[in-house]
Amino acid sequence: MKKVKITILQTTFNQELAEIYGAKGLGPCPMMKEGQVFYADYAKPDGFCDEAWKAIYQYVFALAHGAGNDRFYYGDWIRVPGVAIYSCNDGLRPVIMKLEATDMDASINYTPVER
């Protein structure tokens, strides 16, 4: 298993929908910043948004296991092998992320629980 590089490309904000449905003072995502880089494999990286992780973890897992060697969706979506573009599931302020397969080996820091 390899690590996957996650780069925050954009933090977006839908002002029109936020004015109708959002809480007062709502703005772009406060957790993720454009240009941030995280590395993941089987687990959510420290400091990474829980909701964003739920939206992308299956794609991270696929890339970590070599699925990125071919193009996702038969080449009709992303033209660069080993790269995927996803967003979190926040409809008012989605964060756009680039996932990239790497050659960095993942390390599982598993500590068994004594019973």
PDB file of N, CA and C in Angstrom:
ATOM      1  N   MET A   1       0.848  -1.175   0.000  1.00  0.00           N
ATOM      2  CA  MET A   1       0.000   0.000   0.000  1.00  0.00           C
ATOM      3  C   MET A   1       0.893   1.237   0.000  1.00  0.00           C
ATOM      4  N   LYS A   2       0.473   2.229  -0.753  1.00  0.00           N
ATOM      5  CA  LYS A   2       1.212   3.490  -0.880  1.00  0.00           C
ATOM      6  C   LYS A   2       0.429   4.628  -0.240  1.00  0.00           C
ATOM      7  N   LYS A   3       1.133   5.710   0.030  1.00  0.00           N
ATOM      8  CA  LYS A   3       0.457   6.905   0.539  1.00  0.00           C
ATOM      9  C   LYS A   3      -0.156   7.673  -0.634  1.00  0.00           C
ATOM     10  N   VAL A   4      -1.177   8.425  -0.324  1.00  0.00           N
ATOM     11  CA  VAL A   4      -1.850   9.277  -1.301  1.00  0.00           C
ATOM     12  C   VAL A   4      -1.699  10.721  -0.842  1.00  0.00           C
ATOM     13  N   LYS A   5      -1.272  11.568  -1.754  1.00  0.00           N
ATOM     14  CA  LYS A   5      -1.120  12.988  -1.461  1.00  0.00           C
ATOM     15  C   LYS A   5      -2.460  13.677  -1.712  1.00  0.00           C
ATOM     16  N   ILE A   6      -2.928  14.434  -0.729  1.00  0.00           N
ATOM     17  CA  ILE A   6      -4.179  15.185  -0.845  1.00  0.00           C
ATOM     18  C   ILE A   6      -3.827  16.669  -0.782  1.00  0.00           C
ATOM     19  N   THR A   7      -4.124  17.381  -1.847  1.00  0.00           N
ATOM     20  CA  THR A   7      -3.855  18.817  -1.897  1.00  0.00           C
ATOM     21  C   THR A   7      -5.181  19.561  -1.950  1.00  0.00           C
ATOM     22  N   ILE A   8      -5.343  20.550  -1.097  1.00  0.00           N
ATOM     23  CA  ILE A   8      -6.556  21.384  -1.105  1.00  0.00           C
ATOM     24  C   ILE A   8      -6.379  22.406  -2.229  1.00  0.00           C
ATOM     25  N   LEU A   9      -7.212  22.267  -3.264  1.00  0.00           N
ATOM     26  CA  LEU A   9      -7.121  23.158  -4.419  1.00  0.00           C
ATOM     27  C   LEU A   9      -7.930  24.434  -4.229  1.00  0.00           C
ATOM     28  N   GLN A  10      -9.164  24.285  -3.742  1.00  0.00           N
ATOM     29  CA  GLN A  10     -10.047  25.455  -3.574  1.00  0.00           C
ATOM     30  C   GLN A  10     -10.964  25.250  -2.375  1.00  0.00           C
ATOM     31  N   THR A  11     -11.240  26.351  -1.711  1.00  0.00           N
ATOM     32  CA  THR A  11     -12.324  26.369  -0.730  1.00  0.00           C
ATOM     33  C   THR A  11     -13.379  27.295  -1.317  1.00  0.00           C
ATOM     34  N   THR A  12     -14.509  26.732  -1.663  1.00  0.00           N
ATOM     35  CA  THR A  12     -15.540  27.500  -2.355  1.00  0.00           C
ATOM     36  C   THR A  12     -16.669  27.856  -1.399  1.00  0.00           C
ATOM     37  N   PHE A  13     -17.503  28.770  -1.825  1.00  0.00           N
ATOM     38  CA  PHE A  13     -18.624  29.215  -0.999  1.00  0.00           C
ATOM     39  C   PHE A  13     -19.748  29.667  -1.916  1.00  0.00           C
ATOM     40  N   ASN A  14     -20.927  29.088  -1.768  1.00  0.00           N
ATOM     41  CA  ASN A  14     -22.075  29.454  -2.581  1.00  0.00           C
ATOM     42  C   ASN A  14     -22.899  30.493  -1.814  1.00  0.00           C
ATOM     43  N   GLN A  15     -22.600  31.736  -2.075  1.00  0.00           N
ATOM     44  CA  GLN A  15     -23.231  32.850  -1.357  1.00  0.00           C
ATOM     45  C   GLN A  15     -24.750  32.837  -1.518  1.00  0.00           C
ATOM     46  N   GLU A  16     -25.219  32.589  -2.726  1.00  0.00           N
ATOM     47  CA  GLU A  16     -26.661  32.615  -2.992  1.00  0.00           C
ATOM     48  C   GLU A  16     -27.403  31.572  -2.140  1.00  0.00           C
ATOM     49  N   LEU A  17     -26.916  30.346  -2.132  1.00  0.00           N
ATOM     50  CA  LEU A  17     -27.558  29.311  -1.319  1.00  0.00           C
ATOM     51  C   LEU A  17     -27.374  29.562   0.173  1.00  0.00           C
ATOM     52  N   ALA A  18     -26.220  30.093   0.551  1.00  0.00           N
ATOM     53  CA  ALA A  18     -25.966  30.379   1.962  1.00  0.00           C
ATOM     54  C   ALA A  18     -26.919  31.447   2.491  1.00  0.00           C
ATOM     55  N   GLU A  19     -27.253  32.421   1.650  1.00  0.00           N
ATOM     56  CA  GLU A  19     -28.196  33.460   2.081  1.00  0.00           C
ATOM     57  C   GLU A  19     -29.581  32.882   2.335  1.00  0.00           C
ATOM     58  N   ILE A  20     -29.939  31.840   1.604  1.00  0.00           N
ATOM     59  CA  ILE A  20     -31.253  31.226   1.770  1.00  0.00           C
ATOM     60  C   ILE A  20     -31.254  30.211   2.903  1.00  0.00           C
ATOM     61  N   TYR A  21     -30.201  29.376   2.975  1.00  0.00           N
ATOM     62  CA  TYR A  21     -30.222  28.221   3.871  1.00  0.00           C
ATOM     63  C   TYR A  21     -29.184  28.248   4.987  1.00  0.00           C
ATOM     64  N   GLY A  22     -28.137  29.020   4.843  1.00  0.00           N
ATOM     65  CA  GLY A  22     -27.025  28.980   5.788  1.00  0.00           C
ATOM     66  C   GLY A  22     -27.280  29.756   7.067  1.00  0.00           C
ATOM     67  N   ALA A  23     -26.550  29.379   8.084  1.00  0.00           N
ATOM     68  CA  ALA A  23     -26.598  30.097   9.356  1.00  0.00           C
ATOM     69  C   ALA A  23     -25.966  31.470   9.181  1.00  0.00           C
ATOM     70  N   LYS A  24     -26.366  32.401  10.017  1.00  0.00           N
ATOM     71  CA  LYS A  24     -25.790  33.749   9.953  1.00  0.00           C
ATOM     72  C   LYS A  24     -24.279  33.663  10.155  1.00  0.00           C
ATOM     73  N   GLY A  25     -23.562  34.406   9.333  1.00  0.00           N
ATOM     74  CA  GLY A  25     -22.111  34.454   9.448  1.00  0.00           C
ATOM     75  C   GLY A  25     -21.376  33.306   8.792  1.00  0.00           C
ATOM     76  N   LEU A  26     -22.094  32.411   8.111  1.00  0.00           N
ATOM     77  CA  LEU A  26     -21.445  31.273   7.456  1.00  0.00           C
ATOM     78  C   LEU A  26     -20.535  31.771   6.347  1.00  0.00           C
ATOM     79  N   GLY A  27     -19.369  31.175   6.258  1.00  0.00           N
ATOM     80  CA  GLY A  27     -18.414  31.521   5.214  1.00  0.00           C
ATOM     81  C   GLY A  27     -17.741  30.266   4.716  1.00  0.00           C
ATOM     82  N   PRO A  28     -16.656  30.420   3.949  1.00  0.00           N
ATOM     83  CA  PRO A  28     -15.936  29.243   3.457  1.00  0.00           C
ATOM     84  C   PRO A  28     -15.479  28.350   4.619  1.00  0.00           C
ATOM     85  N   CYS A  29     -15.183  27.128   4.309  1.00  0.00           N
ATOM     86  CA  CYS A  29     -14.755  26.145   5.303  1.00  0.00           C
ATOM     87  C   CYS A  29     -13.635  26.709   6.175  1.00  0.00           C
ATOM     88  N   PRO A  30     -13.798  26.657   7.486  1.00  0.00           N
ATOM     89  CA  PRO A  30     -12.760  27.171   8.375  1.00  0.00           C
ATOM     90  C   PRO A  30     -11.639  26.162   8.651  1.00  0.00           C
ATOM     91  N   MET A  31     -11.838  24.892   8.259  1.00  0.00           N
ATOM     92  CA  MET A  31     -10.851  23.854   8.586  1.00  0.00           C
ATOM     93  C   MET A  31      -9.773  23.679   7.522  1.00  0.00           C
ATOM     94  N   MET A  32     -10.151  23.813   6.268  1.00  0.00           N
ATOM     95  CA  MET A  32      -9.234  23.537   5.171  1.00  0.00           C
ATOM     96  C   MET A  32      -8.809  24.842   4.499  1.00  0.00           C
ATOM     97  N   LYS A  33      -7.553  24.909   4.129  1.00  0.00           N
ATOM     98  CA  LYS A  33      -7.003  26.101   3.486  1.00  0.00           C
ATOM     99  C   LYS A  33      -6.383  25.717   2.149  1.00  0.00           C
ATOM    100  N   GLU A  34      -6.593  26.533   1.148  1.00  0.00           N
ATOM    101  CA  GLU A  34      -6.011  26.280  -0.166  1.00  0.00           C
ATOM    102  C   GLU A  34      -4.505  26.115  -0.047  1.00  0.00           C
ATOM    103  N   GLY A  35      -3.992  25.094  -0.715  1.00  0.00           N
ATOM    104  CA  GLY A  35      -2.561  24.822  -0.683  1.00  0.00           C
ATOM    105  C   GLY A  35      -2.131  23.831   0.389  1.00  0.00           C
ATOM    106  N   GLN A  36      -2.994  23.527   1.346  1.00  0.00           N
ATOM    107  CA  GLN A  36      -2.650  22.536   2.357  1.00  0.00           C
ATOM    108  C   GLN A  36      -2.400  21.191   1.697  1.00  0.00           C
ATOM    109  N   VAL A  37      -1.470  20.427   2.248  1.00  0.00           N
ATOM    110  CA  VAL A  37      -1.153  19.100   1.745  1.00  0.00           C
ATOM    111  C   VAL A  37      -1.221  18.109   2.896  1.00  0.00           C
ATOM    112  N   PHE A  38      -1.864  16.987   2.642  1.00  0.00           N
ATOM    113  CA  PHE A  38      -1.974  15.898   3.603  1.00  0.00           C
ATOM    114  C   PHE A  38      -1.538  14.621   2.900  1.00  0.00           C
ATOM    115  N   TYR A  39      -1.082  13.649   3.681  1.00  0.00           N
ATOM    116  CA  TYR A  39      -0.769  12.328   3.154  1.00  0.00           C
ATOM    117  C   TYR A  39      -1.609  11.310   3.900  1.00  0.00           C
ATOM    118  N   ALA A  40      -2.223  10.404   3.149  1.00  0.00           N
ATOM    119  CA  ALA A  40      -3.124   9.426   3.750  1.00  0.00           C
ATOM    120  C   ALA A  40      -2.878   8.059   3.151  1.00  0.00           C
ATOM    121  N   ASP A  41      -3.349   7.041   3.863  1.00  0.00           N
ATOM    122  CA  ASP A  41      -3.344   5.670   3.356  1.00  0.00           C
ATOM    123  C   ASP A  41      -4.637   5.022   3.815  1.00  0.00           C
ATOM    124  N   TYR A  42      -4.628   4.320   4.907  1.00  0.00           N
ATOM    125  CA  TYR A  42      -5.832   3.674   5.408  1.00  0.00           C
ATOM    126  C   TYR A  42      -6.572   4.534   6.436  1.00  0.00           C
ATOM    127  N   ALA A  43      -5.931   5.576   6.927  1.00  0.00           N
ATOM    128  CA  ALA A  43      -6.510   6.372   8.011  1.00  0.00           C
ATOM    129  C   ALA A  43      -6.560   7.852   7.646  1.00  0.00           C
ATOM    130  N   LYS A  44      -7.499   8.539   8.244  1.00  0.00           N
ATOM    131  CA  LYS A  44      -7.647   9.982   8.049  1.00  0.00           C
ATOM    132  C   LYS A  44      -6.422  10.698   8.599  1.00  0.00           C
ATOM    133  N   PRO A  45      -5.849  11.607   7.822  1.00  0.00           N
ATOM    134  CA  PRO A  45      -4.690  12.354   8.317  1.00  0.00           C
ATOM    135  C   PRO A  45      -5.068  13.280   9.475  1.00  0.00           C
ATOM    136  N   ASP A  46      -4.129  13.507  10.363  1.00  0.00           N
ATOM    137  CA  ASP A  46      -4.344  14.442  11.467  1.00  0.00           C
ATOM    138  C   ASP A  46      -4.695  15.818  10.907  1.00  0.00           C
ATOM    139  N   GLY A  47      -5.689  16.464  11.499  1.00  0.00           N
ATOM    140  CA  GLY A  47      -6.093  17.797  11.085  1.00  0.00           C
ATOM    141  C   GLY A  47      -7.004  17.848   9.882  1.00  0.00           C
ATOM    142  N   PHE A  48      -7.353  16.693   9.337  1.00  0.00           N
ATOM    143  CA  PHE A  48      -8.211  16.640   8.150  1.00  0.00           C
ATOM    144  C   PHE A  48      -9.670  16.581   8.600  1.00  0.00           C
ATOM    145  N   CYS A  49     -10.537  17.281   7.918  1.00  0.00           N
ATOM    146  CA  CYS A  49     -11.964  17.340   8.255  1.00  0.00           C
ATOM    147  C   CYS A  49     -12.613  15.958   8.181  1.00  0.00           C
ATOM    148  N   ASP A  50     -13.363  15.594   9.209  1.00  0.00           N
ATOM    149  CA  ASP A  50     -14.057  14.305   9.244  1.00  0.00           C
ATOM    150  C   ASP A  50     -15.025  14.140   8.074  1.00  0.00           C
ATOM    151  N   GLU A  51     -15.792  15.161   7.781  1.00  0.00           N
ATOM    152  CA  GLU A  51     -16.780  15.080   6.696  1.00  0.00           C
ATOM    153  C   GLU A  51     -16.104  14.973   5.333  1.00  0.00           C
ATOM    154  N   ALA A  52     -15.019  15.698   5.135  1.00  0.00           N
ATOM    155  CA  ALA A  52     -14.291  15.599   3.871  1.00  0.00           C
ATOM    156  C   ALA A  52     -13.701  14.197   3.723  1.00  0.00           C
ATOM    157  N   TRP A  53     -13.203  13.634   4.822  1.00  0.00           N
ATOM    158  CA  TRP A  53     -12.649  12.287   4.769  1.00  0.00           C
ATOM    159  C   TRP A  53     -13.719  11.270   4.376  1.00  0.00           C
ATOM    160  N   LYS A  54     -14.921  11.424   4.928  1.00  0.00           N
ATOM    161  CA  LYS A  54     -16.007  10.507   4.571  1.00  0.00           C
ATOM    162  C   LYS A  54     -16.329  10.581   3.080  1.00  0.00           C
ATOM    163  N   ALA A  55     -16.132  11.738   2.487  1.00  0.00           N
ATOM    164  CA  ALA A  55     -16.442  11.911   1.069  1.00  0.00           C
ATOM    165  C   ALA A  55     -15.369  11.319   0.151  1.00  0.00           C
ATOM    166  N   ILE A  56     -14.118  11.184   0.635  1.00  0.00           N
ATOM    167  CA  ILE A  56     -13.041  10.768  -0.267  1.00  0.00           C
ATOM    168  C   ILE A  56     -12.333   9.482   0.129  1.00  0.00           C
ATOM    169  N   TYR A  57     -12.598   8.936   1.300  1.00  0.00           N
ATOM    170  CA  TYR A  57     -11.757   7.842   1.785  1.00  0.00           C
ATOM    171  C   TYR A  57     -11.724   6.639   0.837  1.00  0.00           C
ATOM    172  N   GLN A  58     -12.833   6.320   0.178  1.00  0.00           N
ATOM    173  CA  GLN A  58     -12.825   5.157  -0.708  1.00  0.00           C
ATOM    174  C   GLN A  58     -11.930   5.388  -1.923  1.00  0.00           C
ATOM    175  N   TYR A  59     -11.802   6.618  -2.360  1.00  0.00           N
ATOM    176  CA  TYR A  59     -10.931   6.934  -3.485  1.00  0.00           C
ATOM    177  C   TYR A  59      -9.467   6.939  -3.054  1.00  0.00           C
ATOM    178  N   VAL A  60      -9.210   7.427  -1.843  1.00  0.00           N
ATOM    179  CA  VAL A  60      -7.858   7.358  -1.285  1.00  0.00           C
ATOM    180  C   VAL A  60      -7.431   5.899  -1.178  1.00  0.00           C
ATOM    181  N   PHE A  61      -8.319   5.063  -0.661  1.00  0.00           N
ATOM    182  CA  PHE A  61      -8.023   3.644  -0.503  1.00  0.00           C
ATOM    183  C   PHE A  61      -7.726   3.001  -1.860  1.00  0.00           C
ATOM    184  N   ALA A  62      -8.509   3.331  -2.870  1.00  0.00           N
ATOM    185  CA  ALA A  62      -8.296   2.775  -4.209  1.00  0.00           C
ATOM    186  C   ALA A  62      -6.941   3.211  -4.768  1.00  0.00           C
ATOM    187  N   LEU A  63      -6.612   4.484  -4.656  1.00  0.00           N
ATOM    188  CA  LEU A  63      -5.325   4.968  -5.144  1.00  0.00           C
ATOM    189  C   LEU A  63      -4.173   4.356  -4.357  1.00  0.00           C
ATOM    190  N   ALA A  64      -4.348   4.200  -3.055  1.00  0.00           N
ATOM    191  CA  ALA A  64      -3.300   3.618  -2.213  1.00  0.00           C
ATOM    192  C   ALA A  64      -2.997   2.177  -2.602  1.00  0.00           C
ATOM    193  N   HIS A  65      -3.993   1.513  -3.203  1.00  0.00           N
ATOM    194  CA  HIS A  65      -3.816   0.122  -3.606  1.00  0.00           C
ATOM    195  C   HIS A  65      -3.578  -0.040  -5.108  1.00  0.00           C
ATOM    196  N   GLY A  66      -3.195   1.041  -5.778  1.00  0.00           N
ATOM    197  CA  GLY A  66      -2.775   0.934  -7.165  1.00  0.00           C
ATOM    198  C   GLY A  66      -3.828   1.192  -8.212  1.00  0.00           C
ATOM    199  N   ALA A  67      -5.039   1.524  -7.816  1.00  0.00           N
ATOM    200  CA  ALA A  67      -6.086   1.772  -8.814  1.00  0.00           C
ATOM    201  C   ALA A  67      -5.777   2.985  -9.681  1.00  0.00           C
ATOM    202  N   GLY A  68      -4.909   3.851  -9.219  1.00  0.00           N
ATOM    203  CA  GLY A  68      -4.584   5.050  -9.976  1.00  0.00           C
ATOM    204  C   GLY A  68      -3.649   4.809 -11.143  1.00  0.00           C
ATOM    205  N   ASN A  69      -3.151   3.579 -11.279  1.00  0.00           N
ATOM    206  CA  ASN A  69      -2.280   3.292 -12.420  1.00  0.00           C
ATOM    207  C   ASN A  69      -3.046   3.407 -13.728  1.00  0.00           C
ATOM    208  N   ASP A  70      -4.322   3.168 -13.675  1.00  0.00           N
ATOM    209  CA  ASP A  70      -5.195   3.385 -14.819  1.00  0.00           C
ATOM    210  C   ASP A  70      -5.999   4.645 -14.531  1.00  0.00           C
ATOM    211  N   ARG A  71      -6.623   5.150 -15.551  1.00  0.00           N
ATOM    212  CA  ARG A  71      -7.452   6.337 -15.346  1.00  0.00           C
ATOM    213  C   ARG A  71      -8.778   5.941 -14.721  1.00  0.00           C
ATOM    214  N   PHE A  72      -9.253   6.791 -13.828  1.00  0.00           N
ATOM    215  CA  PHE A  72     -10.556   6.553 -13.235  1.00  0.00           C
ATOM    216  C   PHE A  72     -11.626   6.713 -14.311  1.00  0.00           C
ATOM    217  N   TYR A  73     -12.655   5.955 -14.194  1.00  0.00           N
ATOM    218  CA  TYR A  73     -13.808   6.031 -15.095  1.00  0.00           C
ATOM    219  C   TYR A  73     -13.418   5.944 -16.561  1.00  0.00           C
ATOM    220  N   TYR A  74     -12.523   5.016 -16.864  1.00  0.00           N
ATOM    221  CA  TYR A  74     -12.148   4.690 -18.241  1.00  0.00           C
ATOM    222  C   TYR A  74     -11.606   5.873 -19.036  1.00  0.00           C
ATOM    223  N   GLY A  75     -11.009   6.818 -18.372  1.00  0.00           N
ATOM    224  CA  GLY A  75     -10.354   7.920 -19.064  1.00  0.00           C
ATOM    225  C   GLY A  75     -11.273   9.023 -19.542  1.00  0.00           C
ATOM    226  N   ASP A  76     -12.552   8.948 -19.209  1.00  0.00           N
ATOM    227  CA  ASP A  76     -13.459  10.003 -19.681  1.00  0.00           C
ATOM    228  C   ASP A  76     -13.690  11.091 -18.631  1.00  0.00           C
ATOM    229  N   TRP A  77     -12.949  11.018 -17.550  1.00  0.00           N
ATOM    230  CA  TRP A  77     -13.136  12.015 -16.489  1.00  0.00           C
ATOM    231  C   TRP A  77     -11.833  12.735 -16.204  1.00  0.00           C
ATOM    232  N   ILE A  78     -10.804  11.998 -15.812  1.00  0.00           N
ATOM    233  CA  ILE A  78      -9.493  12.571 -15.507  1.00  0.00           C
ATOM    234  C   ILE A  78      -8.506  12.028 -16.529  1.00  0.00           C
ATOM    235  N   ARG A  79      -7.704  12.897 -17.121  1.00  0.00           N
ATOM    236  CA  ARG A  79      -6.778  12.430 -18.161  1.00  0.00           C
ATOM    237  C   ARG A  79      -5.409  12.060 -17.630  1.00  0.00           C
ATOM    238  N   VAL A  80      -5.136  12.360 -16.365  1.00  0.00           N
ATOM    239  CA  VAL A  80      -3.830  12.073 -15.783  1.00  0.00           C
ATOM    240  C   VAL A  80      -3.931  10.831 -14.907  1.00  0.00           C
ATOM    241  N   PRO A  81      -3.227   9.761 -15.252  1.00  0.00           N
ATOM    242  CA  PRO A  81      -3.272   8.558 -14.418  1.00  0.00           C
ATOM    243  C   PRO A  81      -2.790   8.847 -12.995  1.00  0.00           C
ATOM    244  N   GLY A  82      -3.422   8.202 -12.031  1.00  0.00           N
ATOM    245  CA  GLY A  82      -3.020   8.355 -10.638  1.00  0.00           C
ATOM    246  C   GLY A  82      -3.498   9.627  -9.978  1.00  0.00           C
ATOM    247  N   VAL A  83      -4.369  10.383 -10.643  1.00  0.00           N
ATOM    248  CA  VAL A  83      -4.891  11.645 -10.099  1.00  0.00           C
ATOM    249  C   VAL A  83      -6.408  11.602 -10.120  1.00  0.00           C
ATOM    250  N   ALA A  84      -7.002  12.139  -9.073  1.00  0.00           N
ATOM    251  CA  ALA A  84      -8.461  12.276  -9.015  1.00  0.00           C
ATOM    252  C   ALA A  84      -8.793  13.612  -8.361  1.00  0.00           C
ATOM    253  N   ILE A  85      -9.861  14.235  -8.804  1.00  0.00           N
ATOM    254  CA  ILE A  85     -10.320  15.500  -8.237  1.00  0.00           C
ATOM    255  C   ILE A  85     -11.678  15.243  -7.591  1.00  0.00           C
ATOM    256  N   TYR A  86     -11.782  15.583  -6.318  1.00  0.00           N
ATOM    257  CA  TYR A  86     -13.016  15.354  -5.566  1.00  0.00           C
ATOM    258  C   TYR A  86     -13.317  16.572  -4.713  1.00  0.00           C
ATOM    259  N   SER A  87     -14.529  16.583  -4.194  1.00  0.00           N
ATOM    260  CA  SER A  87     -14.898  17.639  -3.252  1.00  0.00           C
ATOM    261  C   SER A  87     -15.559  17.002  -2.041  1.00  0.00           C
ATOM    262  N   CYS A  88     -15.577  17.741  -0.964  1.00  0.00           N
ATOM    263  CA  CYS A  88     -16.299  17.262   0.207  1.00  0.00           C
ATOM    264  C   CYS A  88     -17.795  17.414  -0.070  1.00  0.00           C
ATOM    265  N   ASN A  89     -18.618  16.940   0.835  1.00  0.00           N
ATOM    266  CA  ASN A  89     -20.057  16.918   0.593  1.00  0.00           C
ATOM    267  C   ASN A  89     -20.815  18.098   1.191  1.00  0.00           C
ATOM    268  N   ASP A  90     -20.140  19.176   1.509  1.00  0.00           N
ATOM    269  CA  ASP A  90     -20.791  20.379   2.030  1.00  0.00           C
ATOM    270  C   ASP A  90     -21.365  21.170   0.854  1.00  0.00           C
ATOM    271  N   GLY A  91     -22.678  21.227   0.737  1.00  0.00           N
ATOM    272  CA  GLY A  91     -23.319  21.872  -0.400  1.00  0.00           C
ATOM    273  C   GLY A  91     -23.212  23.385  -0.425  1.00  0.00           C
ATOM    274  N   LEU A  92     -22.914  24.004   0.710  1.00  0.00           N
ATOM    275  CA  LEU A  92     -22.799  25.457   0.748  1.00  0.00           C
ATOM    276  C   LEU A  92     -21.357  25.938   0.615  1.00  0.00           C
ATOM    277  N   ARG A  93     -20.417  25.106   1.078  1.00  0.00           N
ATOM    278  CA  ARG A  93     -19.012  25.518   1.049  1.00  0.00           C
ATOM    279  C   ARG A  93     -18.087  24.339   0.764  1.00  0.00           C
ATOM    280  N   PRO A  94     -18.260  23.717  -0.405  1.00  0.00           N
ATOM    281  CA  PRO A  94     -17.431  22.552  -0.732  1.00  0.00           C
ATOM    282  C   PRO A  94     -15.954  22.899  -0.894  1.00  0.00           C
ATOM    283  N   VAL A  95     -15.138  21.966  -0.488  1.00  0.00           N
ATOM    284  CA  VAL A  95     -13.690  22.073  -0.636  1.00  0.00           C
ATOM    285  C   VAL A  95     -13.280  21.108  -1.752  1.00  0.00           C
ATOM    286  N   ILE A  96     -12.527  21.621  -2.716  1.00  0.00           N
ATOM    287  CA  ILE A  96     -12.082  20.833  -3.861  1.00  0.00           C
ATOM    288  C   ILE A  96     -10.668  20.320  -3.574  1.00  0.00           C
ATOM    289  N   MET A  97     -10.476  18.998  -3.767  1.00  0.00           N
ATOM    290  CA  MET A  97      -9.206  18.364  -3.435  1.00  0.00           C
ATOM    291  C   MET A  97      -8.653  17.577  -4.614  1.00  0.00           C
ATOM    292  N   LYS A  98      -7.329  17.555  -4.713  1.00  0.00           N
ATOM    293  CA  LYS A  98      -6.652  16.702  -5.690  1.00  0.00           C
ATOM    294  C   LYS A  98      -6.032  15.542  -4.927  1.00  0.00           C
ATOM    295  N   LEU A  99      -6.337  14.318  -5.348  1.00  0.00           N
ATOM    296  CA  LEU A  99      -5.760  13.113  -4.770  1.00  0.00           C
ATOM    297  C   LEU A  99      -4.748  12.580  -5.767  1.00  0.00           C
ATOM    298  N   GLU A 100      -3.548  12.258  -5.292  1.00  0.00           N
ATOM    299  CA  GLU A 100      -2.494  11.763  -6.173  1.00  0.00           C
ATOM    300  C   GLU A 100      -1.852  10.519  -5.585  1.00  0.00           C
ATOM    301  N   ALA A 101      -1.743   9.482  -6.389  1.00  0.00           N
ATOM    302  CA  ALA A 101      -0.991   8.303  -5.983  1.00  0.00           C
ATOM    303  C   ALA A 101       0.478   8.693  -5.863  1.00  0.00           C
ATOM    304  N   THR A 102       1.172   8.110  -4.886  1.00  0.00           N
ATOM    305  CA  THR A 102       2.608   8.354  -4.722  1.00  0.00           C
ATOM    306  C   THR A 102       3.340   7.014  -4.694  1.00  0.00           C
ATOM    307  N   ASP A 103       4.650   7.095  -4.672  1.00  0.00           N
ATOM    308  CA  ASP A 103       5.483   5.906  -4.522  1.00  0.00           C
ATOM    309  C   ASP A 103       5.905   5.713  -3.065  1.00  0.00           C
ATOM    310  N   MET A 104       5.388   6.533  -2.177  1.00  0.00           N
ATOM    311  CA  MET A 104       5.757   6.456  -0.760  1.00  0.00           C
ATOM    312  C   MET A 104       5.023   5.296  -0.089  1.00  0.00           C
ATOM    313  N   ASP A 105       5.776   4.420   0.532  1.00  0.00           N
ATOM    314  CA  ASP A 105       5.159   3.293   1.230  1.00  0.00           C
ATOM    315  C   ASP A 105       4.376   3.771   2.446  1.00  0.00           C
ATOM    316  N   ALA A 106       3.214   3.189   2.624  1.00  0.00           N
ATOM    317  CA  ALA A 106       2.403   3.476   3.798  1.00  0.00           C
ATOM    318  C   ALA A 106       2.922   2.639   4.961  1.00  0.00           C
ATOM    319  N   SER A 107       2.757   3.148   6.155  1.00  0.00           N
ATOM    320  CA  SER A 107       3.163   2.372   7.325  1.00  0.00           C
ATOM    321  C   SER A 107       1.973   2.281   8.264  1.00  0.00           C
ATOM    322  N   ILE A 108       1.640   1.070   8.601  1.00  0.00           N
ATOM    323  CA  ILE A 108       0.504   0.865   9.504  1.00  0.00           C
ATOM    324  C   ILE A 108       1.045   0.796  10.916  1.00  0.00           C
ATOM    325  N   ASN A 109       0.669   1.758  11.704  1.00  0.00           N
ATOM    326  CA  ASN A 109       1.101   1.814  13.101  1.00  0.00           C
ATOM    327  C   ASN A 109       0.044   1.174  13.960  1.00  0.00           C
ATOM    328  N   TYR A 110      -0.006  -0.126  13.901  1.00  0.00           N
ATOM    329  CA  TYR A 110      -1.027  -0.895  14.610  1.00  0.00           C
ATOM    330  C   TYR A 110      -0.502  -1.317  15.972  1.00  0.00           C
ATOM    331  N   THR A 111      -1.222  -0.961  16.997  1.00  0.00           N
ATOM    332  CA  THR A 111      -0.868  -1.391  18.347  1.00  0.00           C
ATOM    333  C   THR A 111      -2.005  -2.281  18.846  1.00  0.00           C
ATOM    334  N   PRO A 112      -1.722  -3.579  19.038  1.00  0.00           N
ATOM    335  CA  PRO A 112      -2.787  -4.465  19.497  1.00  0.00           C
ATOM    336  C   PRO A 112      -3.275  -4.090  20.897  1.00  0.00           C
ATOM    337  N   VAL A 113      -4.534  -4.316  21.110  1.00  0.00           N
ATOM    338  CA  VAL A 113      -5.143  -4.039  22.416  1.00  0.00           C
ATOM    339  C   VAL A 113      -5.037  -5.288  23.253  1.00  0.00           C
ATOM    340  N   GLU A 114      -4.477  -5.147  24.455  1.00  0.00           N
ATOM    341  CA  GLU A 114      -4.401  -6.286  25.350  1.00  0.00           C
ATOM    342  C   GLU A 114      -5.754  -6.513  25.992  1.00  0.00           C
ATOM    343  N   ARG A 115      -6.104  -7.776  26.157  1.00  0.00           N
ATOM    344  CA  ARG A 115      -7.380  -8.105  26.771  1.00  0.00           C
ATOM    345  C   ARG A 115      -7.162  -8.887  28.027  1.00  0.00           C
TER     346      ARG A 115
END
